[in-house]
Amino acid sequence: DLHARRQVLAFVTEETVVTKLFDEIAPQY
């Protein structure tokens, strides 16, 4: 959800990595 994405954006330093986390990495798990 949006709140989780903003929490990750507050810690991870690159937006492309956040997009990769939500679109590719998280669905694998």
PDB file of all heavy atoms in Angstrom:
ATOM      1  N   ASP A   1       0.821  -1.203   0.000  1.00  0.00           N
ATOM      2  CA  ASP A   1       0.000   0.000   0.000  1.00  0.00           C
ATOM      3  C   ASP A   1       0.865   1.267   0.000  1.00  0.00           C
ATOM      4  O   ASP A   1       2.093   1.196   0.050  1.00  0.00           O
ATOM      5  CB  ASP A   1      -0.977   0.006   1.186  1.00  0.00           C
ATOM      6  CG  ASP A   1      -0.270  -0.099   2.523  1.00  0.00           C
ATOM      7  OD1 ASP A   1       0.940  -0.337   2.528  1.00  0.00           O
ATOM      8  OD2 ASP A   1      -0.949   0.056   3.566  1.00  0.00           O
ATOM      9  N   LEU A   2       0.213   2.414  -0.067  1.00  0.00           N
ATOM     10  CA  LEU A   2       0.925   3.681  -0.185  1.00  0.00           C
ATOM     11  C   LEU A   2       1.756   3.985   1.060  1.00  0.00           C
ATOM     12  O   LEU A   2       2.885   4.462   0.958  1.00  0.00           O
ATOM     13  CB  LEU A   2      -0.070   4.817  -0.443  1.00  0.00           C
ATOM     14  CG  LEU A   2       0.515   6.219  -0.586  1.00  0.00           C
ATOM     15  CD1 LEU A   2       1.462   6.267  -1.786  1.00  0.00           C
ATOM     16  CD2 LEU A   2      -0.594   7.240  -0.732  1.00  0.00           C
ATOM     17  N   HIS A   3       1.202   3.686   2.230  1.00  0.00           N
ATOM     18  CA  HIS A   3       1.939   3.956   3.465  1.00  0.00           C
ATOM     19  C   HIS A   3       3.213   3.124   3.540  1.00  0.00           C
ATOM     20  O   HIS A   3       4.275   3.623   3.939  1.00  0.00           O
ATOM     21  CB  HIS A   3       1.046   3.681   4.675  1.00  0.00           C
ATOM     22  CG  HIS A   3       1.694   3.975   5.986  1.00  0.00           C
ATOM     23  ND1 HIS A   3       2.193   5.209   6.306  1.00  0.00           N
ATOM     24  CD2 HIS A   3       1.946   3.185   7.058  1.00  0.00           C
ATOM     25  CE1 HIS A   3       2.704   5.180   7.518  1.00  0.00           C
ATOM     26  NE2 HIS A   3       2.579   3.948   7.992  1.00  0.00           N
ATOM     27  N   ALA A   4       3.137   1.863   3.133  1.00  0.00           N
ATOM     28  CA  ALA A   4       4.323   0.999   3.129  1.00  0.00           C
ATOM     29  C   ALA A   4       5.360   1.528   2.145  1.00  0.00           C
ATOM     30  O   ALA A   4       6.561   1.542   2.442  1.00  0.00           O
ATOM     31  CB  ALA A   4       3.934  -0.435   2.776  1.00  0.00           C
ATOM     32  N   ARG A   5       4.913   1.990   0.976  1.00  0.00           N
ATOM     33  CA  ARG A   5       5.845   2.530  -0.017  1.00  0.00           C
ATOM     34  C   ARG A   5       6.559   3.769   0.523  1.00  0.00           C
ATOM     35  O   ARG A   5       7.763   3.923   0.344  1.00  0.00           O
ATOM     36  CB  ARG A   5       5.109   2.876  -1.310  1.00  0.00           C
ATOM     37  CG  ARG A   5       6.007   3.377  -2.415  1.00  0.00           C
ATOM     38  CD  ARG A   5       5.237   3.647  -3.682  1.00  0.00           C
ATOM     39  NE  ARG A   5       4.783   2.438  -4.326  1.00  0.00           N
ATOM     40  CZ  ARG A   5       5.484   1.761  -5.248  1.00  0.00           C
ATOM     41  NH1 ARG A   5       6.659   2.197  -5.618  1.00  0.00           N
ATOM     42  NH2 ARG A   5       4.992   0.666  -5.786  1.00  0.00           N
ATOM     43  N   ARG A   6       5.837   4.615   1.238  1.00  0.00           N
ATOM     44  CA  ARG A   6       6.453   5.811   1.799  1.00  0.00           C
ATOM     45  C   ARG A   6       7.416   5.470   2.929  1.00  0.00           C
ATOM     46  O   ARG A   6       8.443   6.136   3.092  1.00  0.00           O
ATOM     47  CB  ARG A   6       5.374   6.778   2.282  1.00  0.00           C
ATOM     48  CG  ARG A   6       4.689   7.459   1.122  1.00  0.00           C
ATOM     49  CD  ARG A   6       3.640   8.428   1.564  1.00  0.00           C
ATOM     50  NE  ARG A   6       3.087   9.134   0.405  1.00  0.00           N
ATOM     51  CZ  ARG A   6       1.972   9.811   0.427  1.00  0.00           C
ATOM     52  NH1 ARG A   6       1.262   9.898   1.531  1.00  0.00           N
ATOM     53  NH2 ARG A   6       1.540  10.410  -0.654  1.00  0.00           N
ATOM     54  N   GLN A   7       7.108   4.437   3.701  1.00  0.00           N
ATOM     55  CA  GLN A   7       8.024   4.004   4.751  1.00  0.00           C
ATOM     56  C   GLN A   7       9.324   3.492   4.147  1.00  0.00           C
ATOM     57  O   GLN A   7      10.415   3.766   4.650  1.00  0.00           O
ATOM     58  CB  GLN A   7       7.382   2.921   5.614  1.00  0.00           C
ATOM     59  CG  GLN A   7       6.350   3.450   6.574  1.00  0.00           C
ATOM     60  CD  GLN A   7       5.731   2.338   7.387  1.00  0.00           C
ATOM     61  OE1 GLN A   7       5.306   1.325   6.848  1.00  0.00           O
ATOM     62  NE2 GLN A   7       5.677   2.545   8.696  1.00  0.00           N
ATOM     63  N   VAL A   8       9.224   2.729   3.057  1.00  0.00           N
ATOM     64  CA  VAL A   8      10.422   2.218   2.392  1.00  0.00           C
ATOM     65  C   VAL A   8      11.195   3.369   1.758  1.00  0.00           C
ATOM     66  O   VAL A   8      12.427   3.425   1.836  1.00  0.00           O
ATOM     67  CB  VAL A   8      10.057   1.139   1.343  1.00  0.00           C
ATOM     68  CG1 VAL A   8      11.271   0.726   0.542  1.00  0.00           C
ATOM     69  CG2 VAL A   8       9.440  -0.072   2.019  1.00  0.00           C
ATOM     70  N   LEU A   9      10.501   4.317   1.138  1.00  0.00           N
ATOM     71  CA  LEU A   9      11.162   5.472   0.535  1.00  0.00           C
ATOM     72  C   LEU A   9      11.910   6.310   1.572  1.00  0.00           C
ATOM     73  O   LEU A   9      12.907   6.948   1.246  1.00  0.00           O
ATOM     74  CB  LEU A   9      10.141   6.358  -0.175  1.00  0.00           C
ATOM     75  CG  LEU A   9       9.820   5.985  -1.609  1.00  0.00           C
ATOM     76  CD1 LEU A   9       8.600   6.735  -2.096  1.00  0.00           C
ATOM     77  CD2 LEU A   9      11.003   6.265  -2.511  1.00  0.00           C
ATOM     78  N   ALA A  10      11.448   6.299   2.819  1.00  0.00           N
ATOM     79  CA  ALA A  10      12.120   7.049   3.869  1.00  0.00           C
ATOM     80  C   ALA A  10      13.446   6.404   4.256  1.00  0.00           C
ATOM     81  O   ALA A  10      14.323   7.063   4.804  1.00  0.00           O
ATOM     82  CB  ALA A  10      11.223   7.146   5.101  1.00  0.00           C
ATOM     83  N   PHE A  11      13.625   5.110   3.946  1.00  0.00           N
ATOM     84  CA  PHE A  11      14.853   4.422   4.336  1.00  0.00           C
ATOM     85  C   PHE A  11      15.762   4.143   3.148  1.00  0.00           C
ATOM     86  O   PHE A  11      16.954   4.404   3.190  1.00  0.00           O
ATOM     87  CB  PHE A  11      14.520   3.106   5.053  1.00  0.00           C
ATOM     88  CG  PHE A  11      15.697   2.506   5.745  1.00  0.00           C
ATOM     89  CD1 PHE A  11      16.085   2.953   6.998  1.00  0.00           C
ATOM     90  CD2 PHE A  11      16.457   1.518   5.147  1.00  0.00           C
ATOM     91  CE1 PHE A  11      17.182   2.425   7.637  1.00  0.00           C
ATOM     92  CE2 PHE A  11      17.558   0.978   5.772  1.00  0.00           C
ATOM     93  CZ  PHE A  11      17.925   1.435   7.025  1.00  0.00           C
ATOM     94  N   VAL A  12      15.230   3.599   2.077  1.00  0.00           N
ATOM     95  CA  VAL A  12      16.024   3.249   0.893  1.00  0.00           C
ATOM     96  C   VAL A  12      16.365   4.518   0.137  1.00  0.00           C
ATOM     97  O   VAL A  12      15.530   5.419  -0.007  1.00  0.00           O
ATOM     98  CB  VAL A  12      15.253   2.256   0.001  1.00  0.00           C
ATOM     99  CG1 VAL A  12      15.997   1.969  -1.280  1.00  0.00           C
ATOM    100  CG2 VAL A  12      15.011   0.956   0.757  1.00  0.00           C
ATOM    101  N   THR A  13      17.596   4.603  -0.359  1.00  0.00           N
ATOM    102  CA  THR A  13      18.098   5.865  -0.902  1.00  0.00           C
ATOM    103  C   THR A  13      17.784   6.092  -2.376  1.00  0.00           C
ATOM    104  O   THR A  13      17.996   7.200  -2.863  1.00  0.00           O
ATOM    105  CB  THR A  13      19.621   5.952  -0.711  1.00  0.00           C
ATOM    106  OG1 THR A  13      20.240   4.835  -1.355  1.00  0.00           O
ATOM    107  CG2 THR A  13      19.981   5.947   0.755  1.00  0.00           C
ATOM    108  N   GLU A  14      17.288   5.102  -3.106  1.00  0.00           N
ATOM    109  CA  GLU A  14      17.020   5.272  -4.536  1.00  0.00           C
ATOM    110  C   GLU A  14      15.595   4.861  -4.862  1.00  0.00           C
ATOM    111  O   GLU A  14      15.150   3.787  -4.476  1.00  0.00           O
ATOM    112  CB  GLU A  14      17.992   4.433  -5.369  1.00  0.00           C
ATOM    113  CG  GLU A  14      19.438   4.852  -5.247  1.00  0.00           C
ATOM    114  CD  GLU A  14      20.365   4.006  -6.103  1.00  0.00           C
ATOM    115  OE1 GLU A  14      19.878   3.408  -7.086  1.00  0.00           O
ATOM    116  OE2 GLU A  14      21.547   3.958  -5.774  1.00  0.00           O
ATOM    117  N   GLU A  15      14.906   5.706  -5.612  1.00  0.00           N
ATOM    118  CA  GLU A  15      13.514   5.429  -5.970  1.00  0.00           C
ATOM    119  C   GLU A  15      13.391   4.233  -6.904  1.00  0.00           C
ATOM    120  O   GLU A  15      12.405   3.500  -6.848  1.00  0.00           O
ATOM    121  CB  GLU A  15      12.873   6.657  -6.612  1.00  0.00           C
ATOM    122  CG  GLU A  15      12.636   7.784  -5.637  1.00  0.00           C
ATOM    123  CD  GLU A  15      11.877   8.938  -6.262  1.00  0.00           C
ATOM    124  OE1 GLU A  15      11.083   8.701  -7.198  1.00  0.00           O
ATOM    125  OE2 GLU A  15      12.088  10.065  -5.799  1.00  0.00           O
ATOM    126  N   THR A  16      14.380   4.025  -7.763  1.00  0.00           N
ATOM    127  CA  THR A  16      14.318   2.885  -8.679  1.00  0.00           C
ATOM    128  C   THR A  16      14.370   1.565  -7.920  1.00  0.00           C
ATOM    129  O   THR A  16      13.737   0.590  -8.316  1.00  0.00           O
ATOM    130  CB  THR A  16      15.476   2.934  -9.689  1.00  0.00           C
ATOM    131  OG1 THR A  16      16.718   3.000  -8.984  1.00  0.00           O
ATOM    132  CG2 THR A  16      15.358   4.155 -10.585  1.00  0.00           C
ATOM    133  N   VAL A  17      15.100   1.544  -6.814  1.00  0.00           N
ATOM    134  CA  VAL A  17      15.191   0.335  -5.996  1.00  0.00           C
ATOM    135  C   VAL A  17      13.857   0.075  -5.305  1.00  0.00           C
ATOM    136  O   VAL A  17      13.420  -1.076  -5.183  1.00  0.00           O
ATOM    137  CB  VAL A  17      16.337   0.447  -4.970  1.00  0.00           C
ATOM    138  CG1 VAL A  17      16.369  -0.752  -4.055  1.00  0.00           C
ATOM    139  CG2 VAL A  17      17.665   0.598  -5.695  1.00  0.00           C
ATOM    140  N   VAL A  18      13.176   1.139  -4.881  1.00  0.00           N
ATOM    141  CA  VAL A  18      11.863   0.978  -4.251  1.00  0.00           C
ATOM    142  C   VAL A  18      10.869   0.413  -5.261  1.00  0.00           C
ATOM    143  O   VAL A  18      10.087  -0.493  -4.944  1.00  0.00           O
ATOM    144  CB  VAL A  18      11.370   2.327  -3.676  1.00  0.00           C
ATOM    145  CG1 VAL A  18       9.953   2.207  -3.143  1.00  0.00           C
ATOM    146  CG2 VAL A  18      12.306   2.797  -2.590  1.00  0.00           C
ATOM    147  N   THR A  19      10.911   0.923  -6.481  1.00  0.00           N
ATOM    148  CA  THR A  19      10.030   0.405  -7.532  1.00  0.00           C
ATOM    149  C   THR A  19      10.328  -1.060  -7.804  1.00  0.00           C
ATOM    150  O   THR A  19       9.403  -1.874  -7.934  1.00  0.00           O
ATOM    151  CB  THR A  19      10.216   1.237  -8.821  1.00  0.00           C
ATOM    152  OG1 THR A  19       9.988   2.607  -8.518  1.00  0.00           O
ATOM    153  CG2 THR A  19       9.262   0.775  -9.903  1.00  0.00           C
ATOM    154  N   LYS A  20      11.597  -1.410  -7.855  1.00  0.00           N
ATOM    155  CA  LYS A  20      11.980  -2.805  -8.070  1.00  0.00           C
ATOM    156  C   LYS A  20      11.511  -3.678  -6.913  1.00  0.00           C
ATOM    157  O   LYS A  20      11.021  -4.790  -7.126  1.00  0.00           O
ATOM    158  CB  LYS A  20      13.505  -2.910  -8.218  1.00  0.00           C
ATOM    159  CG  LYS A  20      14.003  -4.312  -8.457  1.00  0.00           C
ATOM    160  CD  LYS A  20      15.510  -4.358  -8.630  1.00  0.00           C
ATOM    161  CE  LYS A  20      15.978  -5.785  -8.829  1.00  0.00           C
ATOM    162  NZ  LYS A  20      17.433  -5.869  -8.974  1.00  0.00           N
ATOM    163  N   LEU A  21      11.614  -3.172  -5.687  1.00  0.00           N
ATOM    164  CA  LEU A  21      11.170  -3.933  -4.518  1.00  0.00           C
ATOM    165  C   LEU A  21       9.688  -4.232  -4.593  1.00  0.00           C
ATOM    166  O   LEU A  21       9.271  -5.380  -4.392  1.00  0.00           O
ATOM    167  CB  LEU A  21      11.491  -3.153  -3.236  1.00  0.00           C
ATOM    168  CG  LEU A  21      10.903  -3.700  -1.933  1.00  0.00           C
ATOM    169  CD1 LEU A  21      11.513  -5.048  -1.601  1.00  0.00           C
ATOM    170  CD2 LEU A  21      11.127  -2.723  -0.801  1.00  0.00           C
ATOM    171  N   PHE A  22       8.880  -3.236  -4.905  1.00  0.00           N
ATOM    172  CA  PHE A  22       7.433  -3.422  -4.916  1.00  0.00           C
ATOM    173  C   PHE A  22       6.941  -4.192  -6.144  1.00  0.00           C
ATOM    174  O   PHE A  22       5.950  -4.905  -6.058  1.00  0.00           O
ATOM    175  CB  PHE A  22       6.725  -2.067  -4.819  1.00  0.00           C
ATOM    176  CG  PHE A  22       6.627  -1.555  -3.412  1.00  0.00           C
ATOM    177  CD1 PHE A  22       7.696  -0.902  -2.822  1.00  0.00           C
ATOM    178  CD2 PHE A  22       5.478  -1.742  -2.669  1.00  0.00           C
ATOM    179  CE1 PHE A  22       7.617  -0.434  -1.526  1.00  0.00           C
ATOM    180  CE2 PHE A  22       5.389  -1.285  -1.366  1.00  0.00           C
ATOM    181  CZ  PHE A  22       6.457  -0.630  -0.790  1.00  0.00           C
ATOM    182  N   ASP A  23       7.626  -4.054  -7.281  1.00  0.00           N
ATOM    183  CA  ASP A  23       7.147  -4.677  -8.519  1.00  0.00           C
ATOM    184  C   ASP A  23       7.733  -6.059  -8.773  1.00  0.00           C
ATOM    185  O   ASP A  23       7.063  -6.919  -9.352  1.00  0.00           O
ATOM    186  CB  ASP A  23       7.455  -3.777  -9.718  1.00  0.00           C
ATOM    187  CG  ASP A  23       6.688  -2.467  -9.661  1.00  0.00           C
ATOM    188  OD1 ASP A  23       5.714  -2.383  -8.885  1.00  0.00           O
ATOM    189  OD2 ASP A  23       7.075  -1.526 -10.387  1.00  0.00           O
ATOM    190  N   GLU A  24       8.993  -6.301  -8.360  1.00  0.00           N
ATOM    191  CA  GLU A  24       9.655  -7.559  -8.697  1.00  0.00           C
ATOM    192  C   GLU A  24       9.979  -8.419  -7.481  1.00  0.00           C
ATOM    193  O   GLU A  24       9.685  -9.605  -7.473  1.00  0.00           O
ATOM    194  CB  GLU A  24      10.962  -7.267  -9.455  1.00  0.00           C
ATOM    195  CG  GLU A  24      10.762  -6.530 -10.766  1.00  0.00           C
ATOM    196  CD  GLU A  24      12.070  -6.097 -11.391  1.00  0.00           C
ATOM    197  OE1 GLU A  24      13.114  -6.683 -11.066  1.00  0.00           O
ATOM    198  OE2 GLU A  24      12.051  -5.163 -12.209  1.00  0.00           O
ATOM    199  N   ILE A  25      10.602  -7.831  -6.469  1.00  0.00           N
ATOM    200  CA  ILE A  25      11.111  -8.632  -5.349  1.00  0.00           C
ATOM    201  C   ILE A  25       9.996  -9.118  -4.441  1.00  0.00           C
ATOM    202  O   ILE A  25       9.914 -10.317  -4.136  1.00  0.00           O
ATOM    203  CB  ILE A  25      12.157  -7.814  -4.550  1.00  0.00           C
ATOM    204  CG1 ILE A  25      13.360  -7.494  -5.442  1.00  0.00           C
ATOM    205  CG2 ILE A  25      12.610  -8.583  -3.328  1.00  0.00           C
ATOM    206  CD1 ILE A  25      14.353  -6.538  -4.836  1.00  0.00           C
ATOM    207  N   ALA A  26       9.138  -8.216  -3.982  1.00  0.00           N
ATOM    208  CA  ALA A  26       8.094  -8.588  -3.026  1.00  0.00           C
ATOM    209  C   ALA A  26       7.125  -9.642  -3.569  1.00  0.00           C
ATOM    210  O   ALA A  26       6.770 -10.576  -2.831  1.00  0.00           O
ATOM    211  CB  ALA A  26       7.351  -7.346  -2.558  1.00  0.00           C
ATOM    212  N   PRO A  27       6.675  -9.572  -4.827  1.00  0.00           N
ATOM    213  CA  PRO A  27       5.773 -10.624  -5.318  1.00  0.00           C
ATOM    214  C   PRO A  27       6.401 -12.024  -5.334  1.00  0.00           C
ATOM    215  O   PRO A  27       5.684 -13.022  -5.223  1.00  0.00           O
ATOM    216  CB  PRO A  27       5.435 -10.172  -6.745  1.00  0.00           C
ATOM    217  CG  PRO A  27       5.603  -8.699  -6.714  1.00  0.00           C
ATOM    218  CD  PRO A  27       6.746  -8.459  -5.784  1.00  0.00           C
ATOM    219  N   GLN A  28       7.736 -12.098  -5.429  1.00  0.00           N
ATOM    220  CA  GLN A  28       8.388 -13.409  -5.389  1.00  0.00           C
ATOM    221  C   GLN A  28       8.218 -14.086  -4.036  1.00  0.00           C
ATOM    222  O   GLN A  28       8.206 -15.308  -3.944  1.00  0.00           O
ATOM    223  CB  GLN A  28       9.887 -13.280  -5.670  1.00  0.00           C
ATOM    224  CG  GLN A  28      10.232 -12.887  -7.076  1.00  0.00           C
ATOM    225  CD  GLN A  28      11.730 -12.697  -7.250  1.00  0.00           C
ATOM    226  OE1 GLN A  28      12.486 -12.669  -6.290  1.00  0.00           O
ATOM    227  NE2 GLN A  28      12.158 -12.546  -8.506  1.00  0.00           N
ATOM    228  N   TYR A  29       8.097 -13.272  -2.973  1.00  0.00           N
ATOM    229  CA  TYR A  29       8.011 -13.800  -1.624  1.00  0.00           C
ATOM    230  C   TYR A  29       6.595 -13.747  -1.069  1.00  0.00           C
ATOM    231  O   TYR A  29       6.401 -13.771   0.150  1.00  0.00           O
ATOM    232  CB  TYR A  29       8.949 -13.027  -0.701  1.00  0.00           C
ATOM    233  CG  TYR A  29      10.395 -13.102  -1.126  1.00  0.00           C
ATOM    234  CD1 TYR A  29      11.063 -11.963  -1.570  1.00  0.00           C
ATOM    235  CD2 TYR A  29      11.091 -14.298  -1.086  1.00  0.00           C
ATOM    236  CE1 TYR A  29      12.385 -12.027  -1.963  1.00  0.00           C
ATOM    237  CE2 TYR A  29      12.405 -14.365  -1.484  1.00  0.00           C
ATOM    238  CZ  TYR A  29      13.047 -13.230  -1.915  1.00  0.00           C
ATOM    239  OH  TYR A  29      14.346 -13.292  -2.300  1.00  0.00           O
TER     240      TYR A  29
END
